[in-house]
């Protein structure tokens, strides 16, 4: 069987469907998306579009492995391998996350009492990068994102929402993952830091990273999007309209 990948398509989503079973409502099945098909281009940023509740975040979470997939394939180029994330063992999914697939969510989840500098540096130290070098990269990103230096040694749980989001962004952008998922990375930011995030995304694109994001901020979306993917086209609800 020939490989579905090309040098320009490091991730392919093919015939994916997802539903939720409402166990507290007598097992009612709620379909979310079906027949999801698209691919990402290296050096490009594709944006999931459509109204709230249509399934955009669910698609990101299926790709990252936080949600199971009812059917279909999520194929990613992981080094010299082709991995189907929809059926991969959890240990392999974690390996893909460590080396190939990054994720910036809307919410920062960290170990209590770990300082912001270590939170941002951790993805590098987990890959064997020396602590000194990881901290240096973390300092550079936190500076670019205008997080005051007197916060770097404090746990992010004590920060404001916008400050936590900047830590989250720094942590997500510090690695050289070849595929990066972005779930509303600018939602809690002011105009100055939104502009910084746009610059970070454009820099990733220039390095050949393939990105898939959700951006409700139209200005940010227009600045970074190469392709719009209308998730409404994958909604089972359109058939009932």
C-alpha atoms as a PDB file:
ATOM      1  CA  UNK A   1       0.000   0.000   0.000  1.00  0.00           C
ATOM      2  CA  UNK A   2       1.423   3.387  -0.957  1.00  0.00           C
ATOM      3  CA  UNK A   3       1.922   6.055   1.676  1.00  0.00           C
ATOM      4  CA  UNK A   4      -0.802   8.727   1.873  1.00  0.00           C
ATOM      5  CA  UNK A   5       1.799  11.288   2.946  1.00  0.00           C
ATOM      6  CA  UNK A   6       3.737  13.803   0.943  1.00  0.00           C
ATOM      7  CA  UNK A   7       6.411  16.145   2.191  1.00  0.00           C
ATOM      8  CA  UNK A   8       3.742  18.871   2.310  1.00  0.00           C
ATOM      9  CA  UNK A   9       1.054  16.910   4.225  1.00  0.00           C
ATOM     10  CA  UNK A  10       2.222  15.749   7.663  1.00  0.00           C
ATOM     11  CA  UNK A  11      -1.310  15.111   8.948  1.00  0.00           C
ATOM     12  CA  UNK A  12      -4.382  13.667   7.232  1.00  0.00           C
ATOM     13  CA  UNK A  13      -7.858  13.317   8.744  1.00  0.00           C
ATOM     14  CA  UNK A  14      -9.897  10.767   6.825  1.00  0.00           C
ATOM     15  CA  UNK A  15     -13.599   9.813   7.204  1.00  0.00           C
ATOM     16  CA  UNK A  16     -13.660  10.636  10.929  1.00  0.00           C
ATOM     17  CA  UNK A  17     -16.893  10.557  12.948  1.00  0.00           C
ATOM     18  CA  UNK A  18     -17.584  11.290  16.604  1.00  0.00           C
ATOM     19  CA  UNK A  19     -20.633  11.000  18.862  1.00  0.00           C
ATOM     20  CA  UNK A  20     -21.260  11.132  22.601  1.00  0.00           C
ATOM     21  CA  UNK A  21     -23.446   8.735  24.560  1.00  0.00           C
ATOM     22  CA  UNK A  22     -25.521  10.522  27.219  1.00  0.00           C
ATOM     23  CA  UNK A  23     -25.564   7.904  29.974  1.00  0.00           C
ATOM     24  CA  UNK A  24     -27.635  10.132  32.262  1.00  0.00           C
ATOM     25  CA  UNK A  25     -30.283  10.407  29.562  1.00  0.00           C
ATOM     26  CA  UNK A  26     -31.015   6.729  28.958  1.00  0.00           C
ATOM     27  CA  UNK A  27     -28.051   6.253  26.628  1.00  0.00           C
ATOM     28  CA  UNK A  28     -29.131   8.818  24.036  1.00  0.00           C
ATOM     29  CA  UNK A  29     -26.456   9.100  21.324  1.00  0.00           C
ATOM     30  CA  UNK A  30     -25.571  12.661  20.324  1.00  0.00           C
ATOM     31  CA  UNK A  31     -23.723  12.820  16.977  1.00  0.00           C
ATOM     32  CA  UNK A  32     -21.079  15.558  16.818  1.00  0.00           C
ATOM     33  CA  UNK A  33     -19.280  15.293  13.448  1.00  0.00           C
ATOM     34  CA  UNK A  34     -19.174  12.830  10.575  1.00  0.00           C
ATOM     35  CA  UNK A  35     -17.234  12.402   7.327  1.00  0.00           C
ATOM     36  CA  UNK A  36     -14.449  14.723   8.482  1.00  0.00           C
ATOM     37  CA  UNK A  37     -11.836  14.893   5.742  1.00  0.00           C
ATOM     38  CA  UNK A  38      -8.924  17.311   5.403  1.00  0.00           C
ATOM     39  CA  UNK A  39      -5.140  17.458   5.426  1.00  0.00           C
ATOM     40  CA  UNK A  40      -2.629  19.955   6.777  1.00  0.00           C
ATOM     41  CA  UNK A  41       0.151  21.502   4.747  1.00  0.00           C
ATOM     42  CA  UNK A  42       3.657  21.913   6.103  1.00  0.00           C
ATOM     43  CA  UNK A  43       4.236  25.620   6.647  1.00  0.00           C
ATOM     44  CA  UNK A  44       0.516  26.373   6.549  1.00  0.00           C
ATOM     45  CA  UNK A  45      -2.130  27.302   9.088  1.00  0.00           C
ATOM     46  CA  UNK A  46      -5.604  25.827   8.588  1.00  0.00           C
ATOM     47  CA  UNK A  47      -8.424  27.300  10.664  1.00  0.00           C
ATOM     48  CA  UNK A  48     -11.548  25.458  11.760  1.00  0.00           C
ATOM     49  CA  UNK A  49     -14.548  27.730  11.235  1.00  0.00           C
ATOM     50  CA  UNK A  50     -18.241  27.542  12.059  1.00  0.00           C
ATOM     51  CA  UNK A  51     -20.614  28.498  14.879  1.00  0.00           C
ATOM     52  CA  UNK A  52     -20.051  27.607  18.521  1.00  0.00           C
ATOM     53  CA  UNK A  53     -20.993  24.029  19.358  1.00  0.00           C
ATOM     54  CA  UNK A  54     -20.508  22.716  15.827  1.00  0.00           C
ATOM     55  CA  UNK A  55     -17.567  20.464  16.787  1.00  0.00           C
ATOM     56  CA  UNK A  56     -14.381  22.490  16.246  1.00  0.00           C
ATOM     57  CA  UNK A  57     -12.828  21.737  19.650  1.00  0.00           C
ATOM     58  CA  UNK A  58     -13.917  18.103  19.375  1.00  0.00           C
ATOM     59  CA  UNK A  59     -11.894  17.762  16.172  1.00  0.00           C
ATOM     60  CA  UNK A  60      -8.791  19.168  17.871  1.00  0.00           C
ATOM     61  CA  UNK A  61      -9.263  16.852  20.850  1.00  0.00           C
ATOM     62  CA  UNK A  62      -9.677  13.793  18.602  1.00  0.00           C
ATOM     63  CA  UNK A  63      -6.444  14.631  16.789  1.00  0.00           C
ATOM     64  CA  UNK A  64      -4.592  15.085  20.077  1.00  0.00           C
ATOM     65  CA  UNK A  65      -6.070  11.898  21.503  1.00  0.00           C
ATOM     66  CA  UNK A  66      -8.148  13.395  24.310  1.00  0.00           C
ATOM     67  CA  UNK A  67     -11.333  12.137  22.612  1.00  0.00           C
ATOM     68  CA  UNK A  68     -11.816   8.722  21.074  1.00  0.00           C
ATOM     69  CA  UNK A  69     -12.864   8.371  17.438  1.00  0.00           C
ATOM     70  CA  UNK A  70     -15.963   6.383  16.432  1.00  0.00           C
ATOM     71  CA  UNK A  71     -14.619   5.702  12.958  1.00  0.00           C
ATOM     72  CA  UNK A  72     -12.033   6.935  10.504  1.00  0.00           C
ATOM     73  CA  UNK A  73      -8.290   7.599  10.580  1.00  0.00           C
ATOM     74  CA  UNK A  74      -6.064  10.402  11.860  1.00  0.00           C
ATOM     75  CA  UNK A  75      -2.736   9.809  10.151  1.00  0.00           C
ATOM     76  CA  UNK A  76       0.385  11.671  11.256  1.00  0.00           C
ATOM     77  CA  UNK A  77       3.950  11.483  10.007  1.00  0.00           C
ATOM     78  CA  UNK A  78       5.999  10.690  13.127  1.00  0.00           C
ATOM     79  CA  UNK A  79       9.664  10.587  12.170  1.00  0.00           C
ATOM     80  CA  UNK A  80       9.884   7.875   9.521  1.00  0.00           C
ATOM     81  CA  UNK A  81       6.613   6.252  10.611  1.00  0.00           C
ATOM     82  CA  UNK A  82       2.971   6.716   9.699  1.00  0.00           C
ATOM     83  CA  UNK A  83       0.816   6.572  12.817  1.00  0.00           C
ATOM     84  CA  UNK A  84      -2.968   6.344  12.982  1.00  0.00           C
ATOM     85  CA  UNK A  85      -3.758   8.324  16.128  1.00  0.00           C
ATOM     86  CA  UNK A  86      -7.338   7.074  16.049  1.00  0.00           C
ATOM     87  CA  UNK A  87      -6.215   3.528  16.847  1.00  0.00           C
ATOM     88  CA  UNK A  88      -2.734   3.941  18.356  1.00  0.00           C
ATOM     89  CA  UNK A  89      -1.893   2.601  21.802  1.00  0.00           C
ATOM     90  CA  UNK A  90      -1.794   5.262  24.556  1.00  0.00           C
ATOM     91  CA  UNK A  91       1.963   4.900  24.985  1.00  0.00           C
ATOM     92  CA  UNK A  92       2.522   5.639  21.296  1.00  0.00           C
ATOM     93  CA  UNK A  93       0.156   8.626  21.426  1.00  0.00           C
ATOM     94  CA  UNK A  94       2.234  10.049  24.286  1.00  0.00           C
ATOM     95  CA  UNK A  95       5.401   9.530  22.240  1.00  0.00           C
ATOM     96  CA  UNK A  96       3.844  11.366  19.290  1.00  0.00           C
ATOM     97  CA  UNK A  97       2.874  14.228  21.604  1.00  0.00           C
ATOM     98  CA  UNK A  98       6.393  14.417  22.971  1.00  0.00           C
ATOM     99  CA  UNK A  99       8.126  14.617  19.598  1.00  0.00           C
ATOM    100  CA  UNK A 100       5.690  15.490  16.820  1.00  0.00           C
ATOM    101  CA  UNK A 101       2.304  16.883  17.885  1.00  0.00           C
ATOM    102  CA  UNK A 102       1.957  19.991  20.057  1.00  0.00           C
ATOM    103  CA  UNK A 103      -1.167  21.541  21.535  1.00  0.00           C
ATOM    104  CA  UNK A 104      -2.018  24.964  22.954  1.00  0.00           C
ATOM    105  CA  UNK A 105      -5.347  24.815  24.770  1.00  0.00           C
ATOM    106  CA  UNK A 106      -7.421  27.597  26.295  1.00  0.00           C
ATOM    107  CA  UNK A 107      -6.720  26.312  29.790  1.00  0.00           C
ATOM    108  CA  UNK A 108      -3.456  25.901  31.666  1.00  0.00           C
ATOM    109  CA  UNK A 109      -3.178  22.715  33.709  1.00  0.00           C
ATOM    110  CA  UNK A 110      -0.025  22.490  35.781  1.00  0.00           C
ATOM    111  CA  UNK A 111       1.363  20.770  38.832  1.00  0.00           C
ATOM    112  CA  UNK A 112       0.778  22.969  41.917  1.00  0.00           C
ATOM    113  CA  UNK A 113       3.782  24.914  43.227  1.00  0.00           C
ATOM    114  CA  UNK A 114       5.812  24.461  40.009  1.00  0.00           C
ATOM    115  CA  UNK A 115       7.046  27.883  38.899  1.00  0.00           C
ATOM    116  CA  UNK A 116       6.164  29.389  35.518  1.00  0.00           C
ATOM    117  CA  UNK A 117       9.718  29.093  34.191  1.00  0.00           C
ATOM    118  CA  UNK A 118       9.762  25.329  34.830  1.00  0.00           C
ATOM    119  CA  UNK A 119       6.253  24.918  33.395  1.00  0.00           C
ATOM    120  CA  UNK A 120       7.360  26.505  30.119  1.00  0.00           C
ATOM    121  CA  UNK A 121      10.704  24.662  30.008  1.00  0.00           C
ATOM    122  CA  UNK A 122       9.286  21.209  30.818  1.00  0.00           C
ATOM    123  CA  UNK A 123       8.474  20.141  27.216  1.00  0.00           C
ATOM    124  CA  UNK A 124      12.160  20.627  26.382  1.00  0.00           C
ATOM    125  CA  UNK A 125      13.578  18.921  29.465  1.00  0.00           C
ATOM    126  CA  UNK A 126      11.210  16.001  28.810  1.00  0.00           C
ATOM    127  CA  UNK A 127      12.946  15.571  25.454  1.00  0.00           C
ATOM    128  CA  UNK A 128      16.399  15.505  27.056  1.00  0.00           C
ATOM    129  CA  UNK A 129      17.351  19.165  26.586  1.00  0.00           C
ATOM    130  CA  UNK A 130      19.653  20.463  29.325  1.00  0.00           C
ATOM    131  CA  UNK A 131      17.822  22.428  32.034  1.00  0.00           C
ATOM    132  CA  UNK A 132      19.996  25.506  31.458  1.00  0.00           C
ATOM    133  CA  UNK A 133      19.181  25.594  27.729  1.00  0.00           C
ATOM    134  CA  UNK A 134      15.490  24.897  28.345  1.00  0.00           C
ATOM    135  CA  UNK A 135      15.307  27.729  30.873  1.00  0.00           C
ATOM    136  CA  UNK A 136      17.034  30.081  28.450  1.00  0.00           C
ATOM    137  CA  UNK A 137      14.450  29.318  25.752  1.00  0.00           C
ATOM    138  CA  UNK A 138      11.655  29.732  28.307  1.00  0.00           C
ATOM    139  CA  UNK A 139      12.978  33.132  29.414  1.00  0.00           C
ATOM    140  CA  UNK A 140      13.105  34.324  25.809  1.00  0.00           C
ATOM    141  CA  UNK A 141       9.476  33.371  25.163  1.00  0.00           C
ATOM    142  CA  UNK A 142       8.163  34.752  28.443  1.00  0.00           C
ATOM    143  CA  UNK A 143       9.945  38.027  27.691  1.00  0.00           C
ATOM    144  CA  UNK A 144       8.449  38.200  24.206  1.00  0.00           C
ATOM    145  CA  UNK A 145       5.015  37.597  25.696  1.00  0.00           C
ATOM    146  CA  UNK A 146       5.547  40.423  28.195  1.00  0.00           C
ATOM    147  CA  UNK A 147       5.160  38.321  31.328  1.00  0.00           C
ATOM    148  CA  UNK A 148       6.854  40.274  34.148  1.00  0.00           C
ATOM    149  CA  UNK A 149      10.088  38.706  35.350  1.00  0.00           C
ATOM    150  CA  UNK A 150       8.954  38.798  38.971  1.00  0.00           C
ATOM    151  CA  UNK A 151       6.307  36.193  38.068  1.00  0.00           C
ATOM    152  CA  UNK A 152       8.672  33.675  36.484  1.00  0.00           C
ATOM    153  CA  UNK A 153       9.513  31.974  39.774  1.00  0.00           C
ATOM    154  CA  UNK A 154       5.889  31.844  40.951  1.00  0.00           C
ATOM    155  CA  UNK A 155       3.312  29.090  40.229  1.00  0.00           C
ATOM    156  CA  UNK A 156       0.922  30.073  37.390  1.00  0.00           C
ATOM    157  CA  UNK A 157      -2.099  29.045  39.481  1.00  0.00           C
ATOM    158  CA  UNK A 158      -1.721  32.419  41.203  1.00  0.00           C
ATOM    159  CA  UNK A 159      -1.783  34.379  37.902  1.00  0.00           C
ATOM    160  CA  UNK A 160      -4.600  36.202  36.114  1.00  0.00           C
ATOM    161  CA  UNK A 161      -6.287  34.507  33.165  1.00  0.00           C
ATOM    162  CA  UNK A 162      -4.275  36.498  30.626  1.00  0.00           C
ATOM    163  CA  UNK A 163      -1.012  35.765  32.428  1.00  0.00           C
ATOM    164  CA  UNK A 164      -1.807  32.055  32.572  1.00  0.00           C
ATOM    165  CA  UNK A 165      -2.580  32.075  28.864  1.00  0.00           C
ATOM    166  CA  UNK A 166       0.802  33.610  28.081  1.00  0.00           C
ATOM    167  CA  UNK A 167       2.498  30.827  30.064  1.00  0.00           C
ATOM    168  CA  UNK A 168       0.378  28.348  28.128  1.00  0.00           C
ATOM    169  CA  UNK A 169       1.406  29.852  24.791  1.00  0.00           C
ATOM    170  CA  UNK A 170       5.090  29.913  25.723  1.00  0.00           C
ATOM    171  CA  UNK A 171       4.899  26.254  26.748  1.00  0.00           C
ATOM    172  CA  UNK A 172       3.194  25.310  23.484  1.00  0.00           C
ATOM    173  CA  UNK A 173       5.541  27.251  21.208  1.00  0.00           C
ATOM    174  CA  UNK A 174       8.840  26.333  22.881  1.00  0.00           C
ATOM    175  CA  UNK A 175       9.285  23.023  21.059  1.00  0.00           C
ATOM    176  CA  UNK A 176       9.951  22.197  17.401  1.00  0.00           C
ATOM    177  CA  UNK A 177       6.907  19.948  16.912  1.00  0.00           C
ATOM    178  CA  UNK A 178       6.123  19.546  13.225  1.00  0.00           C
ATOM    179  CA  UNK A 179       2.351  19.729  13.831  1.00  0.00           C
ATOM    180  CA  UNK A 180       0.786  22.232  16.244  1.00  0.00           C
ATOM    181  CA  UNK A 181      -2.849  22.488  17.383  1.00  0.00           C
ATOM    182  CA  UNK A 182      -4.090  25.878  18.590  1.00  0.00           C
ATOM    183  CA  UNK A 183      -7.352  26.149  20.527  1.00  0.00           C
ATOM    184  CA  UNK A 184      -8.167  29.862  20.923  1.00  0.00           C
ATOM    185  CA  UNK A 185      -4.608  30.833  21.918  1.00  0.00           C
ATOM    186  CA  UNK A 186      -5.412  34.568  21.940  1.00  0.00           C
ATOM    187  CA  UNK A 187      -8.753  34.400  23.771  1.00  0.00           C
ATOM    188  CA  UNK A 188      -7.555  36.064  27.010  1.00  0.00           C
ATOM    189  CA  UNK A 189      -4.940  38.403  25.557  1.00  0.00           C
ATOM    190  CA  UNK A 190      -4.733  42.128  24.985  1.00  0.00           C
ATOM    191  CA  UNK A 191      -3.930  43.629  21.587  1.00  0.00           C
ATOM    192  CA  UNK A 192      -0.180  43.814  22.255  1.00  0.00           C
ATOM    193  CA  UNK A 193       0.141  40.138  23.131  1.00  0.00           C
ATOM    194  CA  UNK A 194      -2.233  39.053  20.356  1.00  0.00           C
ATOM    195  CA  UNK A 195       0.239  40.668  17.968  1.00  0.00           C
ATOM    196  CA  UNK A 196       3.071  38.695  19.585  1.00  0.00           C
ATOM    197  CA  UNK A 197       1.163  35.434  19.103  1.00  0.00           C
ATOM    198  CA  UNK A 198       0.568  36.290  15.453  1.00  0.00           C
ATOM    199  CA  UNK A 199       4.332  36.790  15.062  1.00  0.00           C
ATOM    200  CA  UNK A 200       5.015  33.433  16.759  1.00  0.00           C
ATOM    201  CA  UNK A 201       2.582  31.663  14.438  1.00  0.00           C
ATOM    202  CA  UNK A 202       4.104  33.274  11.353  1.00  0.00           C
ATOM    203  CA  UNK A 203       7.557  32.224  12.548  1.00  0.00           C
ATOM    204  CA  UNK A 204       6.372  28.628  12.955  1.00  0.00           C
ATOM    205  CA  UNK A 205       4.929  28.726   9.444  1.00  0.00           C
ATOM    206  CA  UNK A 206       8.254  29.943   8.077  1.00  0.00           C
ATOM    207  CA  UNK A 207       9.919  26.934   9.724  1.00  0.00           C
ATOM    208  CA  UNK A 208       7.542  24.522   7.966  1.00  0.00           C
ATOM    209  CA  UNK A 209       5.284  23.684  10.921  1.00  0.00           C
ATOM    210  CA  UNK A 210       1.757  22.559  10.025  1.00  0.00           C
ATOM    211  CA  UNK A 211      -0.863  24.207  12.230  1.00  0.00           C
ATOM    212  CA  UNK A 212      -4.562  23.709  12.847  1.00  0.00           C
ATOM    213  CA  UNK A 213      -6.371  26.274  14.940  1.00  0.00           C
ATOM    214  CA  UNK A 214      -9.570  27.779  16.248  1.00  0.00           C
ATOM    215  CA  UNK A 215      -9.606  31.586  16.319  1.00  0.00           C
ATOM    216  CA  UNK A 216     -12.792  33.484  17.108  1.00  0.00           C
ATOM    217  CA  UNK A 217     -10.818  36.736  16.821  1.00  0.00           C
ATOM    218  CA  UNK A 218     -11.328  37.719  13.176  1.00  0.00           C
ATOM    219  CA  UNK A 219      -8.222  39.911  13.063  1.00  0.00           C
ATOM    220  CA  UNK A 220      -5.998  37.070  14.244  1.00  0.00           C
ATOM    221  CA  UNK A 221      -7.697  34.580  11.927  1.00  0.00           C
ATOM    222  CA  UNK A 222      -7.191  36.802   8.885  1.00  0.00           C
ATOM    223  CA  UNK A 223      -3.541  37.353   9.807  1.00  0.00           C
ATOM    224  CA  UNK A 224      -2.594  33.675  10.088  1.00  0.00           C
ATOM    225  CA  UNK A 225      -5.056  31.543   8.079  1.00  0.00           C
ATOM    226  CA  UNK A 226      -4.031  29.971   4.785  1.00  0.00           C
ATOM    227  CA  UNK A 227      -7.080  27.687   4.659  1.00  0.00           C
ATOM    228  CA  UNK A 228     -10.526  27.768   6.261  1.00  0.00           C
ATOM    229  CA  UNK A 229     -12.179  24.428   7.055  1.00  0.00           C
ATOM    230  CA  UNK A 230     -15.939  24.827   7.471  1.00  0.00           C
ATOM    231  CA  UNK A 231     -16.864  22.371  10.228  1.00  0.00           C
ATOM    232  CA  UNK A 232     -20.567  22.926   9.448  1.00  0.00           C
ATOM    233  CA  UNK A 233     -19.992  20.699   6.420  1.00  0.00           C
ATOM    234  CA  UNK A 234     -19.201  17.823   8.802  1.00  0.00           C
ATOM    235  CA  UNK A 235     -22.232  18.322  11.043  1.00  0.00           C
ATOM    236  CA  UNK A 236     -24.886  15.560  11.094  1.00  0.00           C
ATOM    237  CA  UNK A 237     -27.361  18.291  11.976  1.00  0.00           C
ATOM    238  CA  UNK A 238     -27.217  19.772   8.493  1.00  0.00           C
ATOM    239  CA  UNK A 239     -29.131  16.733   7.210  1.00  0.00           C
ATOM    240  CA  UNK A 240     -32.039  17.498   9.491  1.00  0.00           C
ATOM    241  CA  UNK A 241     -32.294  21.118   8.339  1.00  0.00           C
END
